[in-house]
C-alpha atoms as a PDB file:
ATOM      1  CA  MET A   1     141.847  90.119 109.806  1.00  0.00           C
ATOM      2  CA  GLN A   2     140.450  93.304 111.201  1.00  0.00           C
ATOM      3  CA  GLY A   3     139.601  95.796 108.391  1.00  0.00           C
ATOM      4  CA  PHE A   4     140.104  99.485 107.959  1.00  0.00           C
ATOM      5  CA  PHE A   5     138.247 102.232 106.076  1.00  0.00           C
ATOM      6  CA  SER A   6     138.566 105.953 105.321  1.00  0.00           C
ATOM      7  CA  ALA A   7     135.819 108.042 106.903  1.00  0.00           C
ATOM      8  CA  GLU A   8     136.677 110.932 104.579  1.00  0.00           C
ATOM      9  CA  LEU A   9     138.920 111.423 101.519  1.00  0.00           C
ATOM     10  CA  ASN A  10     142.557 112.016 102.436  1.00  0.00           C
ATOM     11  CA  THR A  11     142.036 111.380 106.119  1.00  0.00           C
ATOM     12  CA  GLN A  12     143.403 108.889 108.533  1.00  0.00           C
ATOM     13  CA  CYS A  13     141.906 105.404 108.205  1.00  0.00           C
ATOM     14  CA  GLN A  14     139.655 104.091 110.963  1.00  0.00           C
ATOM     15  CA  ILE A  15     139.323 100.566 112.258  1.00  0.00           C
ATOM     16  CA  CYS A  16     136.124  98.600 111.349  1.00  0.00           C
ATOM     17  CA  PRO A  17     133.666  97.566 114.009  1.00  0.00           C
ATOM     18  CA  ALA A  18     134.625  94.387 115.917  1.00  0.00           C
ATOM     19  CA  GLY A  19     134.359  91.300 113.852  1.00  0.00           C
ATOM     20  CA  ALA A  20     134.182  93.124 110.503  1.00  0.00           C
ATOM     21  CA  VAL A  21     136.580  93.113 107.573  1.00  0.00           C
ATOM     22  CA  SER A  22     137.063  95.342 104.547  1.00  0.00           C
ATOM     23  CA  SER A  23     138.762  95.459 101.183  1.00  0.00           C
ATOM     24  CA  GLN A  24     141.845  97.653 100.630  1.00  0.00           C
ATOM     25  CA  GLY A  25     141.012 101.309 100.010  1.00  0.00           C
ATOM     26  CA  SER A  26     137.408 101.051 101.401  1.00  0.00           C
ATOM     27  CA  PHE A  27     135.647 104.405 101.700  1.00  0.00           C
ATOM     28  CA  GLY A  28     133.031 104.812 104.471  1.00  0.00           C
ATOM     29  CA  ILE A  29     132.048 102.468 107.146  1.00  0.00           C
ATOM     30  CA  ASN A  30     129.701 100.700 104.718  1.00  0.00           C
ATOM     31  CA  GLY A  31     132.855  99.160 103.349  1.00  0.00           C
ATOM     32  CA  CYS A  32     133.142  97.134 106.500  1.00  0.00           C
ATOM     33  CA  ASN A  33     131.390  93.747 106.261  1.00  0.00           C
ATOM     34  CA  CYS A  34     130.396  91.147 108.912  1.00  0.00           C
ATOM     35  CA  PRO A  35     130.312  87.312 108.695  1.00  0.00           C
ATOM     36  CA  SER A  36     127.065  85.830 107.290  1.00  0.00           C
ATOM     37  CA  GLY A  37     124.164  86.255 109.625  1.00  0.00           C
ATOM     38  CA  LYS A  38     125.419  89.497 111.153  1.00  0.00           C
ATOM     39  CA  TYR A  39     125.236  93.203 110.371  1.00  0.00           C
ATOM     40  CA  ILE A  40     126.561  96.604 111.516  1.00  0.00           C
ATOM     41  CA  GLU A  41     124.473  99.559 112.738  1.00  0.00           C
ATOM     42  CA  TYR A  42     125.975 101.912 110.126  1.00  0.00           C
ATOM     43  CA  TRP A  43     123.465 104.644 110.860  1.00  0.00           C
ATOM     44  CA  LYS A  44     124.930 105.185 114.314  1.00  0.00           C
ATOM     45  CA  TYR A  45     128.189 106.162 112.746  1.00  0.00           C
ATOM     46  CA  SER A  46     127.006 108.368 109.962  1.00  0.00           C
ATOM     47  CA  SER A  47     123.672 108.981 108.314  1.00  0.00           C
ATOM     48  CA  SER A  48     125.371 108.891 104.848  1.00  0.00           C
ATOM     49  CA  PRO A  49     128.702 107.955 103.449  1.00  0.00           C
ATOM     50  CA  TYR A  50     128.903 111.533 102.166  1.00  0.00           C
ATOM     51  CA  ILE A  51     128.286 113.033 105.587  1.00  0.00           C
ATOM     52  CA  PRO A  52     131.501 113.036 107.763  1.00  0.00           C
ATOM     53  CA  PRO A  53     130.844 111.416 111.133  1.00  0.00           C
ATOM     54  CA  ALA A  54     130.946 113.633 114.207  1.00  0.00           C
ATOM     55  CA  LYS A  55     133.399 111.225 115.805  1.00  0.00           C
ATOM     56  CA  PRO A  56     135.378 109.191 113.194  1.00  0.00           C
ATOM     57  CA  ALA A  57     137.027 107.033 115.829  1.00  0.00           C
ATOM     58  CA  MET A  58     133.721 105.769 117.287  1.00  0.00           C
ATOM     59  CA  SER A  59     133.626 102.950 114.729  1.00  0.00           C
ATOM     60  CA  ARG A  60     135.707 100.876 117.227  1.00  0.00           C
ATOM     61  CA  ASP A  61     132.727 101.138 119.587  1.00  0.00           C
ATOM     62  CA  LEU A  62     130.464  99.296 117.147  1.00  0.00           C
ATOM     63  CA  GLU A  63     130.314  95.590 116.486  1.00  0.00           C
ATOM     64  CA  CYS A  64     128.732  92.890 114.307  1.00  0.00           C
ATOM     65  CA  LEU A  65     125.249  92.115 115.618  1.00  0.00           C
ATOM     66  CA  PRO A  66     123.178  89.007 114.996  1.00  0.00           C
ATOM     67  CA  CYS A  67     120.692  89.352 112.315  1.00  0.00           C
ATOM     68  CA  THR A  68     117.118  89.905 113.408  1.00  0.00           C
ATOM     69  CA  ALA A  69     114.831  86.816 113.545  1.00  0.00           C
ATOM     70  CA  GLY A  70     113.053  86.286 110.262  1.00  0.00           C
ATOM     71  CA  GLY A  71     115.620  88.303 108.340  1.00  0.00           C
ATOM     72  CA  ILE A  72     118.702  87.940 106.283  1.00  0.00           C
ATOM     73  CA  CYS A  73     121.677  90.271 106.510  1.00  0.00           C
ATOM     74  CA  THR A  74     123.737  89.424 103.442  1.00  0.00           C
ATOM     75  CA  GLN A  75     123.318  90.362  99.720  1.00  0.00           C
ATOM     76  CA  MET A  76     125.377  90.303  96.535  1.00  0.00           C
ATOM     77  CA  ASP A  77     126.918  93.550  95.425  1.00  0.00           C
ATOM     78  CA  ALA A  78     127.512  94.720  91.842  1.00  0.00           C
ATOM     79  CA  ASP A  79     130.801  92.852  91.750  1.00  0.00           C
ATOM     80  CA  GLY A  80     129.266  89.606  92.849  1.00  0.00           C
ATOM     81  CA  GLU A  81     130.651  89.801  96.320  1.00  0.00           C
ATOM     82  CA  LEU A  82     128.661  89.025  99.456  1.00  0.00           C
ATOM     83  CA  VAL A  83     128.327  92.167 101.644  1.00  0.00           C
ATOM     84  CA  SER A  84     126.555  92.948 104.890  1.00  0.00           C
ATOM     85  CA  THR A  85     123.249  94.789 104.852  1.00  0.00           C
ATOM     86  CA  TYR A  86     120.431  95.684 107.183  1.00  0.00           C
ATOM     87  CA  PRO A  87     118.073  92.756 107.945  1.00  0.00           C
ATOM     88  CA  TYR A  88     115.448  92.228 105.123  1.00  0.00           C
ATOM     89  CA  PRO A  89     112.686  89.555 105.341  1.00  0.00           C
ATOM     90  CA  LEU A  90     112.829  85.996 104.634  1.00  0.00           C
ATOM     91  CA  PRO A  91     109.723  84.356 103.041  1.00  0.00           C
ATOM     92  CA  GLY A  92     106.844  84.569 105.476  1.00  0.00           C
ATOM     93  CA  TYR A  93     107.940  87.903 106.925  1.00  0.00           C
ATOM     94  CA  TRP A  94     107.174  91.467 105.868  1.00  0.00           C
ATOM     95  CA  GLN A  95     108.954  94.734 106.148  1.00  0.00           C
ATOM     96  CA  PRO A  96     107.612  98.294 105.493  1.00  0.00           C
ATOM     97  CA  PRO A  97     108.874  99.711 102.137  1.00  0.00           C
ATOM     98  CA  ASP A  98     111.644 102.240 102.096  1.00  0.00           C
ATOM     99  CA  ASN A  99     110.671 105.866 102.544  1.00  0.00           C
ATOM    100  CA  ILE A 100     113.919 107.477 101.450  1.00  0.00           C
ATOM    101  CA  GLU A 101     114.601 111.030 102.555  1.00  0.00           C
ATOM    102  CA  TYR A 102     117.372 113.230 101.268  1.00  0.00           C
ATOM    103  CA  GLN A 103     119.748 115.817 102.813  1.00  0.00           C
ATOM    104  CA  SER A 104     121.697 118.517 101.043  1.00  0.00           C
ATOM    105  CA  VAL A 105     125.426 118.005 101.535  1.00  0.00           C
ATOM    106  CA  THR A 106     128.225 120.378 100.246  1.00  0.00           C
ATOM    107  CA  TRP A 107     131.250 118.267  99.146  1.00  0.00           C
ATOM    108  CA  LYS A 108     134.268 119.762  97.297  1.00  0.00           C
ATOM    109  CA  GLY A 109     132.355 122.959  96.726  1.00  0.00           C
ATOM    110  CA  GLN A 110     129.263 121.264  95.276  1.00  0.00           C
ATOM    111  CA  THR A 111     125.925 120.760  96.892  1.00  0.00           C
ATOM    112  CA  ILE A 112     124.477 117.290  96.402  1.00  0.00           C
ATOM    113  CA  GLN A 113     121.457 115.473  97.599  1.00  0.00           C
ATOM    114  CA  THR A 114     122.314 112.334  99.478  1.00  0.00           C
ATOM    115  CA  PRO A 115     119.946 109.700 100.947  1.00  0.00           C
ATOM    116  CA  ILE A 116     119.587 109.569 104.721  1.00  0.00           C
ATOM    117  CA  ASP A 117     120.308 106.326 106.483  1.00  0.00           C
ATOM    118  CA  ASP A 118     117.598 105.831 109.123  1.00  0.00           C
ATOM    119  CA  GLY A 119     118.798 102.314 110.157  1.00  0.00           C
ATOM    120  CA  PRO A 120     117.046  98.924 109.768  1.00  0.00           C
ATOM    121  CA  LYS A 121     113.267  98.526 109.681  1.00  0.00           C
ATOM    122  CA  ALA A 122     111.241  96.156 111.775  1.00  0.00           C
ATOM    123  CA  LEU A 123     110.238  92.651 110.545  1.00  0.00           C
ATOM    124  CA  TYR A 124     106.660  91.326 110.972  1.00  0.00           C
ATOM    125  CA  ASP A 125     105.182  87.778 110.725  1.00  0.00           C
ATOM    126  CA  CYS A 126     102.673  87.432 107.876  1.00  0.00           C
ATOM    127  CA  PRO A 127      99.202  86.000 108.705  1.00  0.00           C
ATOM    128  CA  PHE A 128      99.078  83.999 105.509  1.00  0.00           C
ATOM    129  CA  SER A 129     101.662  82.400 103.163  1.00  0.00           C
ATOM    130  CA  SER A 130     101.573  85.625 101.103  1.00  0.00           C
ATOM    131  CA  CYS A 131     104.925  87.231 101.948  1.00  0.00           C
ATOM    132  CA  LEU A 132     107.642  86.353  99.490  1.00  0.00           C
ATOM    133  CA  GLY A 133     110.377  88.140 101.408  1.00  0.00           C
ATOM    134  CA  GLY A 134     113.426  89.749  99.766  1.00  0.00           C
ATOM    135  CA  LEU A 135     114.565  93.398  99.458  1.00  0.00           C
ATOM    136  CA  GLU A 136     111.376  94.472  97.857  1.00  0.00           C
ATOM    137  CA  THR A 137     109.143  92.555 100.399  1.00  0.00           C
ATOM    138  CA  ASN A 138     106.761  91.530  97.522  1.00  0.00           C
ATOM    139  CA  CYS A 139     103.367  90.002  98.188  1.00  0.00           C
ATOM    140  CA  SER A 140     102.188  86.971  96.328  1.00  0.00           C
ATOM    141  CA  ALA A 141      99.346  87.237  93.775  1.00  0.00           C
ATOM    142  CA  GLY A 142      95.998  88.330  95.293  1.00  0.00           C
ATOM    143  CA  TYR A 143      97.546  90.142  98.265  1.00  0.00           C
ATOM    144  CA  HIS A 144      98.877  93.643  98.987  1.00  0.00           C
ATOM    145  CA  GLY A 145      99.171  96.083 101.865  1.00  0.00           C
ATOM    146  CA  LEU A 146     100.495  95.735 105.386  1.00  0.00           C
ATOM    147  CA  VAL A 147     101.935  92.270 106.040  1.00  0.00           C
ATOM    148  CA  CYS A 148     100.453  91.289 102.668  1.00  0.00           C
ATOM    149  CA  GLY A 149      97.173  90.769 104.528  1.00  0.00           C
ATOM    150  CA  ILE A 150      94.770  92.703 102.326  1.00  0.00           C
ATOM    151  CA  CYS A 151      92.932  90.973  99.423  1.00  0.00           C
ATOM    152  CA  GLU A 152      93.352  92.543  95.926  1.00  0.00           C
ATOM    153  CA  SER A 153      90.369  93.386  93.785  1.00  0.00           C
ATOM    154  CA  GLY A 154      88.685  90.232  92.524  1.00  0.00           C
ATOM    155  CA  HIS A 155      89.628  88.134  95.652  1.00  0.00           C
ATOM    156  CA  GLU A 156      87.832  87.439  98.854  1.00  0.00           C
ATOM    157  CA  LEU A 157      89.136  86.820 102.333  1.00  0.00           C
ATOM    158  CA  THR A 158      88.725  83.258 103.718  1.00  0.00           C
ATOM    159  CA  THR A 159      90.111  81.465 106.735  1.00  0.00           C
ATOM    160  CA  ASN A 160      92.961  80.184 104.448  1.00  0.00           C
ATOM    161  CA  GLY A 161      93.761  83.601 102.915  1.00  0.00           C
ATOM    162  CA  CYS A 162      92.658  85.461  99.850  1.00  0.00           C
ATOM    163  CA  LYS A 163      91.004  83.407  97.176  1.00  0.00           C
ATOM    164  CA  GLU A 164      89.875  84.423  93.732  1.00  0.00           C
ATOM    165  CA  CYS A 165      86.165  85.217  93.687  1.00  0.00           C
ATOM    166  CA  SER A 166      84.011  82.570  91.981  1.00  0.00           C
ATOM    167  CA  GLY A 167      81.521  85.195  90.710  1.00  0.00           C
ATOM    168  CA  ALA A 168      77.991  86.135  91.778  1.00  0.00           C
ATOM    169  CA  GLY A 169      76.253  83.976  89.176  1.00  0.00           C
ATOM    170  CA  SER A 170      75.663  80.986  91.483  1.00  0.00           C
ATOM    171  CA  TYR A 171      74.266  83.378  94.190  1.00  0.00           C
ATOM    172  CA  VAL A 172      71.844  84.958  91.692  1.00  0.00           C
ATOM    173  CA  ILE A 173      70.523  81.576  90.688  1.00  0.00           C
ATOM    174  CA  LEU A 174      70.109  80.514  94.313  1.00  0.00           C
ATOM    175  CA  MET A 175      68.208  83.780  95.156  1.00  0.00           C
ATOM    176  CA  ILE A 176      65.859  83.216  92.106  1.00  0.00           C
ATOM    177  CA  LEU A 177      65.175  79.668  93.166  1.00  0.00           C
ATOM    178  CA  CYS A 178      64.426  80.729  96.744  1.00  0.00           C
ATOM    179  CA  ALA A 179      62.075  83.533  95.457  1.00  0.00           C
ATOM    180  CA  PHE A 180      59.974  80.879  93.787  1.00  0.00           C
ATOM    181  CA  LEU A 181      60.357  77.863  96.074  1.00  0.00           C
ATOM    182  CA  VAL A 182      59.918  79.518  99.433  1.00  0.00           C
ATOM    183  CA  PRO A 183      56.312  80.852  98.732  1.00  0.00           C
ATOM    184  CA  ILE A 184      55.385  77.612  97.087  1.00  0.00           C
ATOM    185  CA  GLY A 185      56.669  75.614 100.038  1.00  0.00           C
ATOM    186  CA  LEU A 186      54.822  77.848 102.517  1.00  0.00           C
ATOM    187  CA  CYS A 187      51.611  77.519 100.497  1.00  0.00           C
ATOM    188  CA  GLY A 188      51.989  73.796 100.495  1.00  0.00           C
ATOM    189  CA  LEU A 189      52.492  73.753 104.267  1.00  0.00           C
ATOM    190  CA  TYR A 190      49.452  76.044 104.672  1.00  0.00           C
ATOM    191  CA  VAL A 191      47.169  73.746 102.644  1.00  0.00           C
ATOM    192  CA  GLY A 192      48.424  70.793 104.659  1.00  0.00           C
ATOM    193  CA  SER A 193      47.740  72.649 107.913  1.00  0.00           C
ATOM    194  CA  ILE A 194      44.181  73.364 106.837  1.00  0.00           C
ATOM    195  CA  ILE A 195      43.501  69.794 106.001  1.00  0.00           C
ATOM    196  CA  GLN A 196      44.990  68.778 109.380  1.00  0.00           C
ATOM    197  CA  GLY A 197      43.198  71.624 111.207  1.00  0.00           C
ATOM    198  CA  ASN A 198      46.456  73.136 112.686  1.00  0.00           C
ATOM    199  CA  HIS A 199      45.092  76.768 113.119  1.00  0.00           C
ATOM    200  CA  ILE A 200      48.111  78.036 115.092  1.00  0.00           C
ATOM    201  CA  PHE A 201      50.470  77.108 112.254  1.00  0.00           C
ATOM    202  CA  ILE A 202      47.996  78.588 109.797  1.00  0.00           C
ATOM    203  CA  PHE A 203      48.132  81.937 111.592  1.00  0.00           C
ATOM    204  CA  PHE A 204      51.945  82.196 111.338  1.00  0.00           C
ATOM    205  CA  VAL A 205      52.086  81.117 107.730  1.00  0.00           C
ATOM    206  CA  MET A 206      49.436  83.629 106.727  1.00  0.00           C
ATOM    207  CA  SER A 207      51.229  86.403 108.558  1.00  0.00           C
ATOM    208  CA  PHE A 208      54.266  85.668 106.569  1.00  0.00           C
ATOM    209  CA  LEU A 209      52.429  85.369 103.362  1.00  0.00           C
ATOM    210  CA  ASN A 210      50.764  88.691 104.043  1.00  0.00           C
ATOM    211  CA  LEU A 211      54.221  90.286 103.884  1.00  0.00           C
ATOM    212  CA  ILE A 212      55.535  88.563 100.765  1.00  0.00           C
ATOM    213  CA  LEU A 213      52.430  87.942  98.705  1.00  0.00           C
ATOM    214  CA  SER A 214      50.737  91.348  98.716  1.00  0.00           C
ATOM    215  CA  ASP A 215      49.921  92.167  95.082  1.00  0.00           C
ATOM    216  CA  ARG A 216      50.379  95.538  93.359  1.00  0.00           C
ATOM    217  CA  SER A 217      46.721  96.541  93.841  1.00  0.00           C
ATOM    218  CA  GLY A 218      47.153  96.556  97.566  1.00  0.00           C
ATOM    219  CA  ASN A 219      45.346  93.176  98.212  1.00  0.00           C
ATOM    220  CA  ASN A 220      46.396  91.359 101.309  1.00  0.00           C
ATOM    221  CA  PHE A 221      45.794  87.841 102.498  1.00  0.00           C
ATOM    222  CA  PHE A 222      44.694  86.875 105.945  1.00  0.00           C
ATOM    223  CA  SER A 223      43.152  83.970 107.776  1.00  0.00           C
ATOM    224  CA  SER A 224      39.558  84.544 108.899  1.00  0.00           C
ATOM    225  CA  ASP A 225      38.155  83.535 112.338  1.00  0.00           C
ATOM    226  CA  ASN A 226      36.567  80.427 110.822  1.00  0.00           C
ATOM    227  CA  GLY A 227      39.819  79.239 109.190  1.00  0.00           C
ATOM    228  CA  LEU A 228      39.078  80.557 105.673  1.00  0.00           C
ATOM    229  CA  THR A 229      41.721  81.950 103.444  1.00  0.00           C
ATOM    230  CA  CYS A 230      40.753  85.511 102.550  1.00  0.00           C
ATOM    231  CA  ARG A 231      41.950  88.287 100.384  1.00  0.00           C
ATOM    232  CA  CYS A 232      40.844  91.908 100.678  1.00  0.00           C
ATOM    233  CA  THR A 233      42.006  95.505 100.029  1.00  0.00           C
ATOM    234  CA  ASP A 234      43.718  97.668 102.681  1.00  0.00           C
ATOM    235  CA  GLU A 235      40.558  99.666 103.256  1.00  0.00           C
ATOM    236  CA  THR A 236      38.470  96.679 104.230  1.00  0.00           C
ATOM    237  CA  VAL A 237      41.021  94.703 106.271  1.00  0.00           C
ATOM    238  CA  VAL A 238      39.678  96.067 109.532  1.00  0.00           C
ATOM    239  CA  ASP A 239      36.089  94.799 109.283  1.00  0.00           C
ATOM    240  CA  LYS A 240      36.813  92.157 106.582  1.00  0.00           C
ATOM    241  CA  ARG A 241      33.683  93.209 104.663  1.00  0.00           C
ATOM    242  CA  GLY A 242      33.658  92.683 100.940  1.00  0.00           C
ATOM    243  CA  CYS A 243      36.632  90.301 101.145  1.00  0.00           C
ATOM    244  CA  THR A 244      36.759  87.252  98.998  1.00  0.00           C
ATOM    245  CA  CYS A 245      37.511  84.095 100.967  1.00  0.00           C
ATOM    246  CA  PHE A 246      38.318  80.612  99.801  1.00  0.00           C
ATOM    247  CA  GLN A 247      37.327  77.406 101.532  1.00  0.00           C
ATOM    248  CA  ILE A 248      39.647  74.491 100.800  1.00  0.00           C
ATOM    249  CA  THR A 249      37.965  71.164 101.231  1.00  0.00           C
ATOM    250  CA  GLY A 250      40.271  68.369 100.172  1.00  0.00           C
ATOM    251  CA  LEU A 251      41.577  69.442  96.761  1.00  0.00           C
ATOM    252  CA  GLN A 252      38.673  71.673  95.949  1.00  0.00           C
ATOM    253  CA  THR A 253      38.412  75.462  96.489  1.00  0.00           C
ATOM    254  CA  LYS A 254      35.346  77.623  96.354  1.00  0.00           C
ATOM    255  CA  GLU A 255      34.831  81.445  96.932  1.00  0.00           C
ATOM    256  CA  LEU A 256      32.758  82.654  99.892  1.00  0.00           C
ATOM    257  CA  CYS A 257      31.845  86.092 101.126  1.00  0.00           C
ATOM    258  CA  ILE A 258      31.877  87.403 104.690  1.00  0.00           C
END
């Protein structure tokens, strides 16, 4: 049965929007409720139950609209009754939080602050299974922000969403191992190249060693023209005089001068 409501106290009752019903003595258009899965654009009638509408009879021009995809338009009121509400998100969807604004209204000689009805807010798909839905649009643990797509502190973003950080301990150990094993490996390759007479590879290996194995006194390593491994200070690198070179024959090493 079509419902009615009072737009203001002690005024003529108005008919609810098409398809809506109401309880006896309902005050304000918010007292009109639609069947499950539908809602009314209350804000088009009045921006607040305490603000009289410009045209009280325009309620007959409104109707119950299908709920937005991804949303639900029914909630339980304080009396345990199901009532219509603006679409709010189902799990997997997100909605911006309420930013309530107030307006001063004079009612029965008293000025009160009443919240302004701005209408329903848009619903958005969530990129991960992080949106719990509901009136508060809560995010699951480890997520926050727009569409629950930002990782909280202590979490890292992966292709499957935000995961709790495993800690930097394993990376530190890996870096320490690399710091020791890479130079040792290059030195081993260099010795093998000398034995096999691969001078081109020797040149590239020694160029790299020259960058990572310079000691604190400024000594640098280089490969001499005759294939010797040499070490000298920065001042003598140009003419290679006074440098100490090492000749590797098999597994024996001896110092030479050039």
